[in-house]
Amino acid sequence: MKVLVLAAGWSTRIRAVAGDLPKPLLAVAGRPILDHTLRWLAASDVRDVWINLHYEGEQIRRFVGTGARHGLRVRYSEEDPILGTAGAVKKLEREWTQTFLVVYGDNLVRFTLAPLLERHRQSGAFVTVALFDPARHPFTGIAGSRVVMVDGLIQRFTEGAPECEGGLVNAGVYAVEPAIGRFIPDGQFCDFGRDVFPRLLAEGAPLGGHVIDGYCLGLDAPGPLARGLELIRSGEVRIE
């Protein structure tokens, strides 16, 4: 199992808090978000990780290194210009010879990966999106992608939907098949939520969904970051 951790974003919305620190290196509960993510992946028996880099990528490279201290083999994909969440996958297309994971590097997320992968295999989907339910999962109130799902398959995916819209929310972890590459243009900026998922639905290609058993805290702006830290301080979210 290979994993691509997305860490190339511009960190624009969090700049007032983070300065020149890239979002994945923001400290939460005493450790950078990326450190929590890599520990989670290693504990889930992942060993092979790619991290894409653009804004302040050298800081991320210095912090993670080879990945050995996390029990991982980490390699890097430098992007100039930045390619987006799906464009990053396309750039590494030769690496994806079997089901792989995409993980957003600015979320603090924990859940059991095995049920996501099992749901993905059963559905026959090109991508299965990890989802959380704001009605029962702690969350930070960001305007995330909202999903309508029937029998494990996503029927509607609305990117950047307001909190009041309701529905399940994209948790920023995907199980992906190598064949997804044919839905992503080569060498261009391309986003899963804005470009790839709508195309899959428009063409009738299966797009799966799986409701997680843990939590996902989006921490990419000052308000959500403050709410996430309060959830941790109050004990509502426990950091393993």
Protein backbone atom coordinates (compact mmCIF):
# COMPACT_ATOMS: atom_id res chain seq x y z
CA MET A 1 0.00 0.00 0.00
CA LYS A 2 1.41 3.34 -1.10
CA VAL A 3 0.15 6.66 0.22
CA LEU A 4 0.38 10.18 -1.18
CA VAL A 5 0.26 12.85 1.54
CA LEU A 6 -0.72 16.20 0.04
CA ALA A 7 1.49 18.94 1.50
CA ALA A 8 2.04 21.36 -1.38
CA GLY A 9 -0.63 23.97 -0.64
CA TRP A 10 0.08 27.69 -0.36
CA SER A 11 -1.11 27.90 3.30
CA THR A 12 -2.72 31.25 2.42
CA ARG A 13 -5.69 31.13 4.79
CA ILE A 14 -3.57 30.18 7.82
CA ARG A 15 -0.72 32.62 7.10
CA ALA A 16 -1.80 35.07 9.83
CA VAL A 17 -1.21 32.34 12.43
CA ALA A 18 1.51 30.26 10.81
CA GLY A 19 3.75 32.90 9.24
CA ASP A 20 5.98 31.12 6.73
CA LEU A 21 5.32 27.71 8.27
CA PRO A 22 3.48 25.35 5.88
CA LYS A 23 0.14 24.09 7.24
CA PRO A 24 1.25 20.46 7.73
CA LEU A 25 3.92 21.65 10.18
CA LEU A 26 1.54 23.55 12.48
CA ALA A 27 1.84 22.21 16.01
CA VAL A 28 -1.22 20.49 17.48
CA ALA A 29 -1.01 18.74 20.87
CA GLY A 30 2.74 19.24 20.88
CA ARG A 31 3.47 17.80 17.42
CA PRO A 32 3.13 19.00 13.83
CA ILE A 33 -0.03 17.84 12.04
CA LEU A 34 2.16 15.95 9.58
CA ASP A 35 3.86 14.10 12.44
CA HIS A 36 0.47 12.90 13.71
CA THR A 37 -0.45 11.80 10.19
CA LEU A 38 2.75 9.85 9.60
CA ARG A 39 2.45 8.15 13.00
CA TRP A 40 -1.13 7.14 12.15
CA LEU A 41 -0.08 5.71 8.78
CA ALA A 42 2.82 3.78 10.30
CA ALA A 43 0.53 2.37 13.01
CA SER A 44 -1.83 1.28 10.20
CA ASP A 45 0.98 -0.81 8.63
CA VAL A 46 1.71 1.65 5.82
CA ARG A 47 5.39 1.74 4.93
CA ASP A 48 5.68 3.55 1.58
CA VAL A 49 4.77 7.27 1.50
CA TRP A 50 5.09 10.03 -1.07
CA ILE A 51 4.76 13.69 -0.02
CA ASN A 52 4.20 16.37 -2.64
CA LEU A 53 5.91 19.71 -2.03
CA HIS A 54 5.64 23.29 -3.25
CA TYR A 55 5.24 26.12 -0.70
CA GLU A 56 8.09 25.97 1.85
CA GLY A 57 8.72 22.39 0.81
CA GLU A 58 12.25 22.38 2.17
CA GLN A 59 10.89 22.85 5.71
CA ILE A 60 8.78 19.73 5.29
CA ARG A 61 11.67 17.79 3.80
CA ARG A 62 13.95 18.75 6.71
CA PHE A 63 11.35 17.72 9.29
CA VAL A 64 10.41 14.34 7.77
CA GLY A 65 13.72 13.33 6.17
CA THR A 66 13.73 9.77 4.92
CA GLY A 67 10.81 8.81 7.16
CA ALA A 68 12.96 6.29 9.03
CA ARG A 69 12.13 7.66 12.50
CA HIS A 70 8.46 7.05 11.72
CA GLY A 71 9.15 3.57 10.40
CA LEU A 72 8.38 4.68 6.85
CA ARG A 73 10.11 5.09 3.52
CA VAL A 74 9.29 8.65 2.44
CA ARG A 75 9.93 10.10 -1.00
CA TYR A 76 9.10 13.54 -2.36
CA SER A 77 7.42 14.96 -5.45
CA GLU A 78 8.43 18.56 -6.14
CA GLU A 79 5.82 20.63 -7.97
CA ASP A 80 6.49 23.83 -9.85
CA PRO A 81 3.88 24.97 -10.66
CA ILE A 82 1.56 23.46 -8.08
CA LEU A 83 -0.66 20.76 -9.59
CA GLY A 84 -3.65 20.41 -7.24
CA THR A 85 -4.87 17.37 -5.32
CA ALA A 86 -5.50 15.24 -8.43
CA GLY A 87 -2.68 16.68 -10.52
CA ALA A 88 -0.28 15.50 -7.81
CA VAL A 89 -1.57 11.95 -8.33
CA LYS A 90 -1.19 12.19 -12.10
CA LYS A 91 2.42 13.35 -11.80
CA LEU A 92 3.26 10.10 -9.95
CA GLU A 93 1.09 7.91 -12.18
CA ARG A 94 3.82 5.30 -12.73
CA GLU A 95 3.95 4.65 -8.96
CA TRP A 96 0.34 3.54 -8.72
CA THR A 97 0.29 -0.14 -9.63
CA GLN A 98 -2.42 -1.12 -7.12
CA THR A 99 -4.94 0.52 -4.79
CA PHE A 100 -3.35 3.49 -3.01
CA LEU A 101 -4.35 6.20 -0.54
CA VAL A 102 -4.45 9.98 -0.82
CA VAL A 103 -4.34 11.86 2.50
CA TYR A 104 -4.74 15.62 2.94
CA GLY A 105 -1.77 16.89 4.94
CA ASP A 106 -3.57 19.78 6.68
CA ASN A 107 -6.23 17.65 8.42
CA LEU A 108 -5.83 15.96 11.77
CA VAL A 109 -7.48 12.62 11.10
CA ARG A 110 -7.77 9.24 12.85
CA PHE A 111 -9.83 6.22 11.87
CA THR A 112 -9.40 2.55 11.05
CA LEU A 113 -8.20 2.19 7.47
CA ALA A 114 -9.16 -1.46 6.93
CA PRO A 115 -12.96 -0.86 6.66
CA LEU A 116 -12.38 1.96 4.15
CA LEU A 117 -10.28 -0.35 1.98
CA GLU A 118 -12.79 -3.19 2.31
CA ARG A 119 -15.67 -0.91 1.28
CA HIS A 120 -13.58 0.28 -1.63
CA ARG A 121 -12.92 -3.26 -2.85
CA GLN A 122 -16.58 -4.23 -2.54
CA SER A 123 -17.89 -1.16 -4.37
CA GLY A 124 -15.71 -1.43 -7.47
CA ALA A 125 -15.32 2.37 -7.33
CA PHE A 126 -12.51 4.33 -8.94
CA VAL A 127 -12.25 6.32 -5.68
CA THR A 128 -13.80 5.79 -2.25
CA VAL A 129 -14.02 8.93 -0.14
CA ALA A 130 -13.69 8.77 3.66
CA LEU A 131 -16.59 10.76 5.15
CA PHE A 132 -17.65 12.05 8.54
CA ASP A 133 -21.08 12.98 9.85
CA PRO A 134 -21.25 16.44 11.50
CA ALA A 135 -24.25 15.23 13.51
CA ARG A 136 -22.11 12.74 15.44
CA HIS A 137 -18.43 13.40 14.74
CA PRO A 138 -16.52 16.32 16.31
CA PHE A 139 -15.58 18.82 13.61
CA THR A 140 -14.21 22.34 13.23
CA GLY A 141 -16.99 23.96 11.20
CA ILE A 142 -15.13 24.42 7.93
CA ALA A 143 -17.15 24.62 4.70
CA GLY A 144 -16.19 21.21 3.41
CA SER A 145 -17.37 19.15 0.49
CA ARG A 146 -20.85 17.75 1.17
CA VAL A 147 -21.98 14.35 -0.04
CA VAL A 148 -25.23 12.50 -0.67
CA MET A 149 -24.63 8.73 -0.55
CA VAL A 150 -26.92 5.79 -1.29
CA ASP A 151 -25.86 2.18 -0.62
CA GLY A 152 -22.20 3.11 -0.37
CA LEU A 153 -22.06 5.06 -3.64
CA ILE A 154 -21.95 8.85 -3.82
CA GLN A 155 -24.82 10.35 -5.82
CA ARG A 156 -23.97 14.03 -5.35
CA PHE A 157 -20.74 15.79 -4.38
CA THR A 158 -20.83 19.54 -3.67
CA GLU A 159 -17.42 21.18 -3.24
CA GLY A 160 -17.08 23.96 -0.65
CA ALA A 161 -20.70 23.68 0.53
CA PRO A 162 -21.81 25.81 3.49
CA GLU A 163 -22.13 24.24 6.91
CA CYS A 164 -25.91 24.71 6.89
CA GLU A 165 -26.34 22.42 3.88
CA GLY A 166 -25.98 19.27 5.98
CA GLY A 167 -25.05 15.81 4.77
CA LEU A 168 -21.85 13.83 5.08
CA VAL A 169 -18.52 15.67 4.74
CA ASN A 170 -15.33 14.78 2.91
CA ALA A 171 -12.66 13.78 5.47
CA GLY A 172 -9.75 14.21 3.06
CA VAL A 173 -8.69 10.57 2.74
CA TYR A 174 -9.30 8.59 -0.46
CA ALA A 175 -8.79 4.98 -1.49
CA VAL A 176 -7.93 5.20 -5.19
CA GLU A 177 -7.49 2.88 -8.13
CA PRO A 178 -4.61 3.44 -10.60
CA ALA A 179 -7.19 3.74 -13.42
CA ILE A 180 -8.19 7.15 -12.01
CA GLY A 181 -5.35 8.56 -14.12
CA ARG A 182 -7.51 8.54 -17.23
CA PHE A 183 -9.80 11.11 -15.61
CA ILE A 184 -6.92 13.52 -14.80
CA PRO A 185 -5.22 15.69 -17.47
CA ASP A 186 -1.45 15.45 -17.70
CA GLY A 187 0.68 18.36 -16.49
CA GLN A 188 -2.25 20.57 -15.51
CA PHE A 189 -3.72 21.83 -12.25
CA CYS A 190 -6.56 19.48 -11.34
CA ASP A 191 -8.57 19.07 -8.13
CA PHE A 192 -10.43 15.96 -6.98
CA GLY A 193 -13.43 17.83 -5.55
CA ARG A 194 -13.85 20.45 -8.27
CA ASP A 195 -12.80 18.45 -11.32
CA VAL A 196 -12.44 14.68 -10.94
CA PHE A 197 -15.41 13.74 -8.76
CA PRO A 198 -17.93 15.74 -10.84
CA ARG A 199 -16.55 14.11 -13.97
CA LEU A 200 -16.89 10.62 -12.48
CA LEU A 201 -20.51 11.31 -11.54
CA ALA A 202 -21.30 12.88 -14.92
CA GLU A 203 -19.94 9.82 -16.73
CA GLY A 204 -21.69 7.35 -14.44
CA ALA A 205 -18.41 5.99 -13.07
CA PRO A 206 -18.70 4.60 -9.52
CA LEU A 207 -17.58 6.95 -6.73
CA GLY A 208 -17.70 5.29 -3.32
CA GLY A 209 -18.10 6.65 0.19
CA HIS A 210 -17.30 5.31 3.66
CA VAL A 211 -18.26 6.86 7.00
CA ILE A 212 -15.24 6.75 9.31
CA ASP A 213 -15.14 5.46 12.90
CA GLY A 214 -12.85 8.22 14.21
CA TYR A 215 -12.53 11.95 13.61
CA CYS A 216 -11.33 14.51 11.10
CA LEU A 217 -10.42 18.07 12.11
CA GLY A 218 -9.87 20.51 9.27
CA LEU A 219 -7.24 22.99 10.46
CA ASP A 220 -6.50 25.10 7.40
CA ALA A 221 -7.70 28.52 8.68
CA PRO A 222 -7.39 30.39 12.01
CA GLY A 223 -11.01 29.80 13.09
CA PRO A 224 -11.06 26.04 12.46
CA LEU A 225 -7.59 25.72 14.02
CA ALA A 226 -8.80 27.42 17.21
CA ARG A 227 -11.90 25.20 17.33
CA GLY A 228 -9.79 22.10 16.78
CA LEU A 229 -7.43 23.02 19.61
CA GLU A 230 -10.40 23.60 21.91
CA LEU A 231 -11.88 20.19 21.03
CA ILE A 232 -8.56 18.63 22.03
CA ARG A 233 -8.19 20.69 25.22
CA SER A 234 -11.74 19.78 26.31
CA GLY A 235 -11.13 16.08 25.77
CA GLU A 236 -13.88 15.76 23.15
CA VAL A 237 -11.17 14.68 20.70
CA ARG A 238 -8.45 12.43 22.10
CA ILE A 239 -5.04 12.43 20.43
CA GLU A 240 -3.49 8.98 20.63
